[in-house]
Amino acid sequence: MRNDSNSIYTMLNVSGVLIAYAMLAGSLYYAPVDFSTKGYWAMGILLLTISLINTVKYRLDDRNSEDRISKLEAAKAENILAEYVVEKDK
């Protein structure tokens, strides 16, 4: 069930991004400004996209790292408790 809902949200987000890029491309094409100004706008859009992708990637990597660390700490604590119980039983 979780994968289905994630794929639906992912498809919705991808379609939203594609629509936004199509609207931006249309506004760049029909804007009554010089070609050089359109180039600057296009570069800004491209750099913003790259920055957003990097931000999401680094936040995801950070979250995964924190999850791994918490799992290691939980396993270490469980191991210490298990050794303590075994020593108490002797």
Protein backbone atom coordinates (compact mmCIF):
# COMPACT_ATOMS: atom_id res chain seq x y z
CA MET A 1 0.00 0.00 0.00
CA ARG A 2 2.79 2.41 0.87
CA ASN A 3 4.56 2.01 -2.48
CA ASP A 4 1.33 2.70 -4.37
CA SER A 5 0.69 5.93 -2.48
CA ASN A 6 4.31 7.01 -2.91
CA SER A 7 4.17 6.35 -6.64
CA ILE A 8 0.95 8.37 -6.90
CA TYR A 9 2.51 11.31 -5.06
CA THR A 10 5.67 11.00 -7.12
CA MET A 11 3.68 10.98 -10.37
CA LEU A 12 1.68 14.00 -9.20
CA ASN A 13 4.85 15.92 -8.31
CA VAL A 14 6.59 15.03 -11.57
CA SER A 15 3.58 16.14 -13.59
CA GLY A 16 3.47 19.40 -11.61
CA VAL A 17 7.14 20.05 -12.31
CA LEU A 18 6.68 19.30 -16.02
CA ILE A 19 3.69 21.65 -16.22
CA ALA A 20 5.66 24.36 -14.41
CA TYR A 21 8.58 23.99 -16.82
CA ALA A 22 6.22 24.10 -19.80
CA MET A 23 4.65 27.31 -18.46
CA LEU A 24 8.09 28.81 -17.83
CA ALA A 25 9.19 27.88 -21.34
CA GLY A 26 6.07 29.50 -22.74
CA SER A 27 6.61 32.66 -20.75
CA LEU A 28 10.23 32.83 -21.90
CA TYR A 29 9.23 32.30 -25.52
CA TYR A 30 6.48 34.93 -25.52
CA ALA A 31 8.20 37.50 -23.30
CA PRO A 32 8.75 40.81 -25.10
CA VAL A 33 12.41 41.12 -24.08
CA ASP A 34 15.79 40.64 -25.75
CA PHE A 35 17.15 37.17 -26.38
CA SER A 36 20.01 37.80 -23.93
CA THR A 37 17.52 38.54 -21.14
CA LYS A 38 15.69 35.32 -21.92
CA GLY A 39 19.03 33.51 -21.67
CA TYR A 40 19.66 34.95 -18.21
CA TRP A 41 16.18 33.90 -17.11
CA ALA A 42 16.75 30.40 -18.48
CA MET A 43 20.10 30.12 -16.69
CA GLY A 44 18.44 31.24 -13.46
CA ILE A 45 15.75 28.59 -13.81
CA LEU A 46 18.36 25.92 -14.55
CA LEU A 47 20.55 26.91 -11.59
CA LEU A 48 17.52 27.02 -9.28
CA THR A 49 16.57 23.51 -10.39
CA ILE A 50 20.08 22.21 -9.73
CA SER A 51 20.12 23.86 -6.29
CA LEU A 52 16.77 22.34 -5.35
CA ILE A 53 17.86 18.87 -6.44
CA ASN A 54 21.07 19.16 -4.42
CA THR A 55 19.22 20.45 -1.36
CA VAL A 56 16.78 17.55 -1.42
CA LYS A 57 19.60 15.04 -1.98
CA TYR A 58 21.71 16.33 0.90
CA ARG A 59 18.72 16.46 3.26
CA LEU A 60 17.84 12.88 2.34
CA ASP A 61 21.44 11.74 2.83
CA ASP A 62 21.53 13.48 6.22
CA ARG A 63 18.28 11.83 7.30
CA ASN A 64 19.54 8.40 6.20
CA SER A 65 22.76 8.94 8.12
CA GLU A 66 20.85 9.89 11.28
CA ASP A 67 18.65 6.79 10.89
CA ARG A 68 21.70 4.53 10.57
CA ILE A 69 23.33 6.09 13.62
CA SER A 70 20.18 5.69 15.72
CA LYS A 71 19.85 2.04 14.63
CA LEU A 72 23.48 1.38 15.57
CA GLU A 73 23.00 3.03 18.96
CA ALA A 74 19.84 1.00 19.58
CA ALA A 75 21.62 -2.23 18.64
CA LYS A 76 24.54 -1.33 20.90
CA ALA A 77 22.19 -0.60 23.81
CA GLU A 78 20.32 -3.87 23.21
CA ASN A 79 23.61 -5.78 23.11
CA ILE A 80 24.75 -4.19 26.39
CA LEU A 81 21.42 -5.06 28.05
CA ALA A 82 21.58 -8.63 26.75
CA GLU A 83 25.13 -9.06 28.13
CA TYR A 84 24.01 -7.60 31.48
CA VAL A 85 21.11 -10.05 31.71
CA VAL A 86 23.36 -13.00 30.86
CA GLU A 87 25.87 -11.93 33.54
CA LYS A 88 23.08 -11.55 36.13
CA ASP A 89 21.79 -15.08 35.42
CA LYS A 90 25.20 -16.64 36.13
